[in-house]
Structure formats: C-alpha cells, structure tokens
Amino acid sequence: MEYLFDLHVHTATSSSCGETEPEDIVKRYIGLGYDGICITDHMNSGNFGSFKGGQKAKSEQFLEGYRRTKAAAGDRLKVILGMEIRFLDCGNDYLVFGFDEKFIMENKLHKFKNLEEFHPFAKENGLVVYQAHPFRPGLKIINYELLDGMEVYNGHGGHDSANDIAYAWAKKRGLRMSSASDFHYDTGKEPGGVYFKELPNDSFELAKLLLENDYRLKIWEEAEK
C-alpha cells in the first residue's frame, strides 16, 4: 500500500500569499484522494516579521494555519508541520522538515543570513532541507552538498518553475527528489506529491522517510512508467 502526500502547502491564515483557508484546503485534498499534506507556511523576515508581538506571539500566528488545518482534518487526512524558509541574503526558498511546535517557539529562524549559516544548525537539530523550485527565474544555484534533496516538480501554475531542468539537474547529481503542489490556491495545474510506503504521523517521521529515499514521485515517476 502507498500513501500520497503533498509536501508543500500554504494557508491563507499564516502565509501572506496564501489564498485558501485551512478548512477548504482539507476539503480539497480529501477530494483529490490524498492521505496527507505538509503545511509549509513561509518562515522569512517578510512573512514572520509581519506578525505582531514578540517571538511567542509571532510563533503562535505562524502555527495557526497548521493548527487549524489539523483540527479541520481530524482523522480524515494526516496534517504535518513543516515550513518554507527564506534567508536574508537572497530569494531562494527551502522546505524544512523534522521539528515540532516547540522548535518554532524557541528559535528565531527568520534571522538566519544564508544556507551556509543554517546548514550546521540544521544538522545539529536533525532537520531535513530540500530546496524548493530551484530553477525559477531570479533564484540562485547553490552548493547542492548543503541540501538533503531538491523539489523537482512544483505545481504552482502562477510560476515557471522549470521543473524539467530541476529534475534533470537533481538526477545527474544523485540528489533525493520531491514533487509537490506549492498550493496557495487552485491554479489548475496538476497537483504534485510523493507516495510513501508508510504513513508518517509527524514531521520527525516524515523527515526520516525522506532521508531513507524509499518513496515514489507523483508526476515524474508516473510519467516514466
């Protein structure tokens, strides 16, 4: 048996660019036949910094989208906590897995300057880092040895993510790959995802499954059959 997960989903509640409320996100993914989703609202100086109050208050606002989605889903859809982080030095985005709510509360993650600075911190804390939509116009190619993997299919219809280039680039370098929707609202483009052999219960289990690299990609691997 396989379990279909979308690893890149944003809420209108906690991402300034999100346009879909958590309850509607749950309805959408249940209707599409997914077993789970990862809420990856934006962790960056613009989004997180726009929240009111100190670290605790800002963290509560960041987590609200995930919490509301999880509450709306109940037992019908697995909802897991993640984030899409952007550092201060450029516009690159990275999907991060393997943490809990306490971790968000205790760390000023939007303050990191770049991936080079974040990498040892990520390793120390057991985080798994995949670069999101790496070949969109204006983004930078970075040292792939600092990554655990790369998003090679991004289903956001409002952007040209050059998915074919990302797939070829990651495949040539032997990187772990992911496929995801980058859902903010329905753009009419094919939703992405990965098929796991086990059902992850939280962000830590999700990170472990990604590192094991024993999963199948929706979109690319389906197309190659």
C-alpha atoms as a PDB file:
ATOM      1  CA  MET A   1       0.000   0.000   0.000  1.00  0.00           C
ATOM      2  CA  GLU A   2       1.138   3.545  -0.728  1.00  0.00           C
ATOM      3  CA  TYR A   3       0.216   6.854   0.898  1.00  0.00           C
ATOM      4  CA  LEU A   4       0.029  10.029  -1.174  1.00  0.00           C
ATOM      5  CA  PHE A   5       1.406  13.181   0.468  1.00  0.00           C
ATOM      6  CA  ASP A   6       1.724  16.763  -0.711  1.00  0.00           C
ATOM      7  CA  LEU A   7       4.875  18.211   0.885  1.00  0.00           C
ATOM      8  CA  HIS A   8       4.327  21.909   0.049  1.00  0.00           C
ATOM      9  CA  VAL A   9       1.041  23.550   1.070  1.00  0.00           C
ATOM     10  CA  HIS A  10       0.348  27.128   2.239  1.00  0.00           C
ATOM     11  CA  THR A  11      -2.588  28.506   4.205  1.00  0.00           C
ATOM     12  CA  ALA A  12      -4.215  31.930   3.958  1.00  0.00           C
ATOM     13  CA  THR A  13      -4.009  32.009   7.744  1.00  0.00           C
ATOM     14  CA  SER A  14      -0.212  32.047   8.120  1.00  0.00           C
ATOM     15  CA  SER A  15       1.243  32.837   4.676  1.00  0.00           C
ATOM     16  CA  SER A  16       0.688  36.342   3.332  1.00  0.00           C
ATOM     17  CA  CYS A  17       0.499  34.953  -0.230  1.00  0.00           C
ATOM     18  CA  GLY A  18      -1.873  32.117   0.654  1.00  0.00           C
ATOM     19  CA  GLU A  19      -5.458  32.495  -0.539  1.00  0.00           C
ATOM     20  CA  THR A  20      -7.158  29.358   0.795  1.00  0.00           C
ATOM     21  CA  GLU A  21      -8.485  28.847   4.306  1.00  0.00           C
ATOM     22  CA  PRO A  22      -7.451  25.688   6.197  1.00  0.00           C
ATOM     23  CA  GLU A  23     -10.926  24.169   6.141  1.00  0.00           C
ATOM     24  CA  ASP A  24     -11.101  24.483   2.354  1.00  0.00           C
ATOM     25  CA  ILE A  25      -7.605  23.025   1.992  1.00  0.00           C
ATOM     26  CA  VAL A  26      -8.758  19.929   3.860  1.00  0.00           C
ATOM     27  CA  LYS A  27     -11.813  19.538   1.631  1.00  0.00           C
ATOM     28  CA  ARG A  28      -9.658  19.890  -1.481  1.00  0.00           C
ATOM     29  CA  TYR A  29      -7.095  17.267  -0.571  1.00  0.00           C
ATOM     30  CA  ILE A  30      -9.623  14.765   0.692  1.00  0.00           C
ATOM     31  CA  GLY A  31     -11.484  15.217  -2.591  1.00  0.00           C
ATOM     32  CA  LEU A  32      -8.275  14.595  -4.558  1.00  0.00           C
ATOM     33  CA  GLY A  33      -7.612  11.353  -2.684  1.00  0.00           C
ATOM     34  CA  TYR A  34      -4.524  12.406  -0.716  1.00  0.00           C
ATOM     35  CA  ASP A  35      -3.616  10.678   2.537  1.00  0.00           C
ATOM     36  CA  GLY A  36      -1.737  13.619   3.989  1.00  0.00           C
ATOM     37  CA  ILE A  37      -0.293  17.091   3.498  1.00  0.00           C
ATOM     38  CA  CYS A  38       2.540  19.090   4.999  1.00  0.00           C
ATOM     39  CA  ILE A  39       1.753  22.697   5.885  1.00  0.00           C
ATOM     40  CA  THR A  40       4.808  24.721   4.883  1.00  0.00           C
ATOM     41  CA  ASP A  41       3.863  28.310   5.613  1.00  0.00           C
ATOM     42  CA  HIS A  42       6.532  30.925   4.974  1.00  0.00           C
ATOM     43  CA  MET A  43       9.277  31.411   7.549  1.00  0.00           C
ATOM     44  CA  ASN A  44      11.082  34.557   6.457  1.00  0.00           C
ATOM     45  CA  SER A  45      11.671  38.106   7.592  1.00  0.00           C
ATOM     46  CA  GLY A  46       8.791  39.421   5.495  1.00  0.00           C
ATOM     47  CA  ASN A  47       6.067  36.969   6.489  1.00  0.00           C
ATOM     48  CA  PHE A  48       7.114  36.073  10.051  1.00  0.00           C
ATOM     49  CA  GLY A  49       8.249  39.631  10.669  1.00  0.00           C
ATOM     50  CA  SER A  50       4.821  40.978   9.734  1.00  0.00           C
ATOM     51  CA  PHE A  51       3.176  39.142  12.623  1.00  0.00           C
ATOM     52  CA  LYS A  52       2.521  41.235  15.724  1.00  0.00           C
ATOM     53  CA  GLY A  53       4.223  40.888  19.097  1.00  0.00           C
ATOM     54  CA  GLY A  54       7.343  39.096  20.288  1.00  0.00           C
ATOM     55  CA  GLN A  55       8.727  35.687  19.425  1.00  0.00           C
ATOM     56  CA  LYS A  56       5.971  33.742  21.195  1.00  0.00           C
ATOM     57  CA  ALA A  57       3.135  35.779  19.660  1.00  0.00           C
ATOM     58  CA  LYS A  58       4.662  35.603  16.184  1.00  0.00           C
ATOM     59  CA  SER A  59       5.181  31.851  16.541  1.00  0.00           C
ATOM     60  CA  GLU A  60       1.539  31.394  17.548  1.00  0.00           C
ATOM     61  CA  GLN A  61       0.454  33.221  14.396  1.00  0.00           C
ATOM     62  CA  PHE A  62       2.816  31.155  12.248  1.00  0.00           C
ATOM     63  CA  LEU A  63       1.451  27.919  13.720  1.00  0.00           C
ATOM     64  CA  GLU A  64      -2.218  28.920  13.439  1.00  0.00           C
ATOM     65  CA  GLY A  65      -2.513  27.782   9.815  1.00  0.00           C
ATOM     66  CA  TYR A  66      -1.118  24.351  10.631  1.00  0.00           C
ATOM     67  CA  ARG A  67      -3.228  24.012  13.782  1.00  0.00           C
ATOM     68  CA  ARG A  68      -6.462  24.982  12.047  1.00  0.00           C
ATOM     69  CA  THR A  69      -5.776  22.626   9.154  1.00  0.00           C
ATOM     70  CA  LYS A  70      -5.007  19.765  11.519  1.00  0.00           C
ATOM     71  CA  ALA A  71      -8.149  20.436  13.559  1.00  0.00           C
ATOM     72  CA  ALA A  72     -10.321  20.576  10.432  1.00  0.00           C
ATOM     73  CA  ALA A  73      -8.845  17.334   9.085  1.00  0.00           C
ATOM     74  CA  GLY A  74      -9.395  15.219  12.193  1.00  0.00           C
ATOM     75  CA  ASP A  75      -8.842  11.576  11.276  1.00  0.00           C
ATOM     76  CA  ARG A  76      -9.695  12.086   7.603  1.00  0.00           C
ATOM     77  CA  LEU A  77      -6.355  13.497   6.463  1.00  0.00           C
ATOM     78  CA  LYS A  78      -2.900  13.466   8.065  1.00  0.00           C
ATOM     79  CA  VAL A  79      -1.621  17.020   8.551  1.00  0.00           C
ATOM     80  CA  ILE A  80       2.073  17.510   9.337  1.00  0.00           C
ATOM     81  CA  LEU A  81       4.074  20.590  10.309  1.00  0.00           C
ATOM     82  CA  GLY A  82       6.774  21.921   8.000  1.00  0.00           C
ATOM     83  CA  MET A  83       7.974  25.312   6.779  1.00  0.00           C
ATOM     84  CA  GLU A  84       9.323  27.084   3.725  1.00  0.00           C
ATOM     85  CA  ILE A  85      12.273  29.131   4.884  1.00  0.00           C
ATOM     86  CA  ARG A  86      13.989  32.002   3.095  1.00  0.00           C
ATOM     87  CA  PHE A  87      17.205  33.532   4.367  1.00  0.00           C
ATOM     88  CA  LEU A  88      18.227  37.171   4.441  1.00  0.00           C
ATOM     89  CA  ASP A  89      20.789  37.057   1.624  1.00  0.00           C
ATOM     90  CA  CYS A  90      18.650  36.057  -1.393  1.00  0.00           C
ATOM     91  CA  GLY A  91      15.260  34.894  -2.638  1.00  0.00           C
ATOM     92  CA  ASN A  92      15.890  31.139  -2.562  1.00  0.00           C
ATOM     93  CA  ASP A  93      13.352  29.037  -0.645  1.00  0.00           C
ATOM     94  CA  TYR A  94      13.889  25.761   1.213  1.00  0.00           C
ATOM     95  CA  LEU A  95      11.398  23.237   2.555  1.00  0.00           C
ATOM     96  CA  VAL A  96      12.288  22.093   6.066  1.00  0.00           C
ATOM     97  CA  PHE A  97      11.006  19.013   7.900  1.00  0.00           C
ATOM     98  CA  GLY A  98      11.753  17.288  11.213  1.00  0.00           C
ATOM     99  CA  PHE A  99      10.657  19.637  14.010  1.00  0.00           C
ATOM    100  CA  ASP A 100       7.729  20.427  16.294  1.00  0.00           C
ATOM    101  CA  GLU A 101       5.853  23.455  17.566  1.00  0.00           C
ATOM    102  CA  LYS A 102       8.280  23.961  20.453  1.00  0.00           C
ATOM    103  CA  PHE A 103      11.121  24.328  17.968  1.00  0.00           C
ATOM    104  CA  ILE A 104       9.308  27.203  16.255  1.00  0.00           C
ATOM    105  CA  MET A 105       8.697  28.887  19.601  1.00  0.00           C
ATOM    106  CA  GLU A 106      12.310  28.657  20.732  1.00  0.00           C
ATOM    107  CA  ASN A 107      14.249  29.659  17.585  1.00  0.00           C
ATOM    108  CA  LYS A 108      14.338  32.889  15.591  1.00  0.00           C
ATOM    109  CA  LEU A 109      14.548  31.056  12.288  1.00  0.00           C
ATOM    110  CA  HIS A 110      13.825  34.111  10.132  1.00  0.00           C
ATOM    111  CA  LYS A 111      17.099  35.688  11.279  1.00  0.00           C
ATOM    112  CA  PHE A 112      19.500  33.304   9.520  1.00  0.00           C
ATOM    113  CA  LYS A 113      21.648  35.032   6.901  1.00  0.00           C
ATOM    114  CA  ASN A 114      22.109  32.201   4.395  1.00  0.00           C
ATOM    115  CA  LEU A 115      22.085  28.444   3.865  1.00  0.00           C
ATOM    116  CA  GLU A 116      25.760  28.171   4.784  1.00  0.00           C
ATOM    117  CA  GLU A 117      24.966  29.579   8.223  1.00  0.00           C
ATOM    118  CA  PHE A 118      21.802  27.481   8.573  1.00  0.00           C
ATOM    119  CA  HIS A 119      23.349  24.162   7.471  1.00  0.00           C
ATOM    120  CA  PRO A 120      25.263  23.281  10.691  1.00  0.00           C
ATOM    121  CA  PHE A 121      22.249  24.359  12.752  1.00  0.00           C
ATOM    122  CA  ALA A 122      20.032  22.083  10.656  1.00  0.00           C
ATOM    123  CA  LYS A 123      22.361  19.122  11.100  1.00  0.00           C
ATOM    124  CA  GLU A 124      22.643  19.713  14.852  1.00  0.00           C
ATOM    125  CA  ASN A 125      18.860  19.685  15.171  1.00  0.00           C
ATOM    126  CA  GLY A 126      18.109  16.821  12.776  1.00  0.00           C
ATOM    127  CA  LEU A 127      16.349  18.958  10.187  1.00  0.00           C
ATOM    128  CA  VAL A 128      15.862  17.802   6.601  1.00  0.00           C
ATOM    129  CA  VAL A 129      16.240  20.533   3.959  1.00  0.00           C
ATOM    130  CA  TYR A 130      15.032  20.365   0.336  1.00  0.00           C
ATOM    131  CA  GLN A 131      15.434  23.329  -1.992  1.00  0.00           C
ATOM    132  CA  ALA A 132      12.072  24.452  -3.352  1.00  0.00           C
ATOM    133  CA  HIS A 133      11.543  25.352  -7.056  1.00  0.00           C
ATOM    134  CA  PRO A 134      15.304  25.885  -7.555  1.00  0.00           C
ATOM    135  CA  PHE A 135      15.186  26.950 -11.200  1.00  0.00           C
ATOM    136  CA  ARG A 136      12.585  29.689 -11.090  1.00  0.00           C
ATOM    137  CA  PRO A 137      13.857  32.899 -12.741  1.00  0.00           C
ATOM    138  CA  GLY A 138      15.986  35.006 -10.426  1.00  0.00           C
ATOM    139  CA  LEU A 139      16.945  32.249  -7.987  1.00  0.00           C
ATOM    140  CA  LYS A 140      20.498  31.076  -7.344  1.00  0.00           C
ATOM    141  CA  ILE A 141      22.108  27.692  -7.844  1.00  0.00           C
ATOM    142  CA  ILE A 142      23.804  26.813  -4.560  1.00  0.00           C
ATOM    143  CA  ASN A 143      26.170  24.120  -3.304  1.00  0.00           C
ATOM    144  CA  TYR A 144      23.996  21.019  -3.521  1.00  0.00           C
ATOM    145  CA  GLU A 145      26.093  19.336  -0.818  1.00  0.00           C
ATOM    146  CA  LEU A 146      24.300  21.611   1.675  1.00  0.00           C
ATOM    147  CA  LEU A 147      20.958  20.049   0.702  1.00  0.00           C
ATOM    148  CA  ASP A 148      19.228  16.817   1.659  1.00  0.00           C
ATOM    149  CA  GLY A 149      17.201  16.956  -1.543  1.00  0.00           C
ATOM    150  CA  MET A 150      15.534  19.084  -4.190  1.00  0.00           C
ATOM    151  CA  GLU A 151      11.958  19.776  -5.265  1.00  0.00           C
ATOM    152  CA  VAL A 152      11.925  18.717  -8.929  1.00  0.00           C
ATOM    153  CA  TYR A 153       8.217  19.160  -9.608  1.00  0.00           C
ATOM    154  CA  ASN A 154       6.440  22.297  -8.370  1.00  0.00           C
ATOM    155  CA  GLY A 155       2.794  22.544  -9.308  1.00  0.00           C
ATOM    156  CA  HIS A 156       2.193  26.262  -8.763  1.00  0.00           C
ATOM    157  CA  GLY A 157       0.599  27.358 -12.014  1.00  0.00           C
ATOM    158  CA  GLY A 158       1.398  31.011 -11.375  1.00  0.00           C
ATOM    159  CA  HIS A 159       5.155  30.484 -11.770  1.00  0.00           C
ATOM    160  CA  ASP A 160       7.539  28.988 -14.303  1.00  0.00           C
ATOM    161  CA  SER A 161       9.475  26.603 -12.074  1.00  0.00           C
ATOM    162  CA  ALA A 162      11.385  24.911 -14.943  1.00  0.00           C
ATOM    163  CA  ASN A 163      10.575  21.510 -13.480  1.00  0.00           C
ATOM    164  CA  ASP A 164      12.197  19.595 -16.314  1.00  0.00           C
ATOM    165  CA  ILE A 165      15.519  21.325 -15.653  1.00  0.00           C
ATOM    166  CA  ALA A 166      15.258  20.727 -11.901  1.00  0.00           C
ATOM    167  CA  TYR A 167      14.545  17.036 -12.463  1.00  0.00           C
ATOM    168  CA  ALA A 168      17.473  16.564 -14.852  1.00  0.00           C
ATOM    169  CA  TRP A 169      19.849  18.540 -12.622  1.00  0.00           C
ATOM    170  CA  ALA A 170      18.969  16.593  -9.450  1.00  0.00           C
ATOM    171  CA  LYS A 171      19.048  13.252 -11.244  1.00  0.00           C
ATOM    172  CA  LYS A 172      22.531  13.918 -12.645  1.00  0.00           C
ATOM    173  CA  ARG A 173      23.843  14.699  -9.156  1.00  0.00           C
ATOM    174  CA  GLY A 174      22.103  11.835  -7.392  1.00  0.00           C
ATOM    175  CA  LEU A 175      20.027  14.095  -5.133  1.00  0.00           C
ATOM    176  CA  ARG A 176      16.884  12.985  -3.353  1.00  0.00           C
ATOM    177  CA  MET A 177      13.891  14.458  -5.150  1.00  0.00           C
ATOM    178  CA  SER A 178      10.423  15.622  -4.197  1.00  0.00           C
ATOM    179  CA  SER A 179       7.237  16.508  -6.045  1.00  0.00           C
ATOM    180  CA  ALA A 180       4.694  18.927  -4.550  1.00  0.00           C
ATOM    181  CA  SER A 181       1.917  21.349  -5.410  1.00  0.00           C
ATOM    182  CA  ASP A 182       3.180  24.540  -3.730  1.00  0.00           C
ATOM    183  CA  PHE A 183      -0.514  25.097  -3.088  1.00  0.00           C
ATOM    184  CA  HIS A 184      -1.726  28.636  -2.371  1.00  0.00           C
ATOM    185  CA  TYR A 185      -4.934  28.439  -4.408  1.00  0.00           C
ATOM    186  CA  ASP A 186      -6.154  26.296  -7.276  1.00  0.00           C
ATOM    187  CA  THR A 187      -4.182  27.327 -10.366  1.00  0.00           C
ATOM    188  CA  GLY A 188      -5.492  24.485 -12.489  1.00  0.00           C
ATOM    189  CA  LYS A 189      -2.097  22.826 -12.761  1.00  0.00           C
ATOM    190  CA  GLU A 190      -1.547  19.148 -11.934  1.00  0.00           C
ATOM    191  CA  PRO A 191      -1.050  18.731  -8.154  1.00  0.00           C
ATOM    192  CA  GLY A 192       2.199  17.090  -7.078  1.00  0.00           C
ATOM    193  CA  GLY A 193       3.132  14.744  -4.279  1.00  0.00           C
ATOM    194  CA  VAL A 194       5.078  11.695  -3.185  1.00  0.00           C
ATOM    195  CA  TYR A 195       3.957   8.135  -2.465  1.00  0.00           C
ATOM    196  CA  PHE A 196       5.286   6.756   0.827  1.00  0.00           C
ATOM    197  CA  LYS A 197       5.214   3.085   1.809  1.00  0.00           C
ATOM    198  CA  GLU A 198       4.468   4.099   5.403  1.00  0.00           C
ATOM    199  CA  LEU A 199       2.113   6.716   6.802  1.00  0.00           C
ATOM    200  CA  PRO A 200       4.148   9.354   8.708  1.00  0.00           C
ATOM    201  CA  ASN A 201       2.479  10.617  11.870  1.00  0.00           C
ATOM    202  CA  ASP A 202       4.529  13.770  12.428  1.00  0.00           C
ATOM    203  CA  SER A 203       7.297  15.923  10.997  1.00  0.00           C
ATOM    204  CA  PHE A 204      10.025  13.738  12.512  1.00  0.00           C
ATOM    205  CA  GLU A 205       8.699  10.582  10.870  1.00  0.00           C
ATOM    206  CA  LEU A 206       8.276  12.475   7.597  1.00  0.00           C
ATOM    207  CA  ALA A 207      11.901  13.626   7.732  1.00  0.00           C
ATOM    208  CA  LYS A 208      13.048  10.053   8.369  1.00  0.00           C
ATOM    209  CA  LEU A 209      11.135   8.738   5.358  1.00  0.00           C
ATOM    210  CA  LEU A 210      12.591  11.435   3.132  1.00  0.00           C
ATOM    211  CA  LEU A 211      16.148  10.613   4.201  1.00  0.00           C
ATOM    212  CA  GLU A 212      15.540   6.918   3.539  1.00  0.00           C
ATOM    213  CA  ASN A 213      14.646   7.926  -0.037  1.00  0.00           C
ATOM    214  CA  ASP A 214      12.279   4.969  -0.412  1.00  0.00           C
ATOM    215  CA  TYR A 215       9.345   6.774  -1.981  1.00  0.00           C
ATOM    216  CA  ARG A 216       7.887   7.398  -5.407  1.00  0.00           C
ATOM    217  CA  LEU A 217       7.208  10.743  -7.073  1.00  0.00           C
ATOM    218  CA  LYS A 218       3.813  11.750  -8.359  1.00  0.00           C
ATOM    219  CA  ILE A 219       4.196  13.294 -11.847  1.00  0.00           C
ATOM    220  CA  TRP A 220       7.725  12.346 -12.934  1.00  0.00           C
ATOM    221  CA  GLU A 221       7.851   8.680 -11.981  1.00  0.00           C
ATOM    222  CA  GLU A 222       4.262   8.186 -13.077  1.00  0.00           C
ATOM    223  CA  ALA A 223       5.164   9.702 -16.466  1.00  0.00           C
ATOM    224  CA  GLU A 224       8.184   7.419 -16.856  1.00  0.00           C
ATOM    225  CA  LYS A 225       6.220   4.192 -16.343  1.00  0.00           C
END
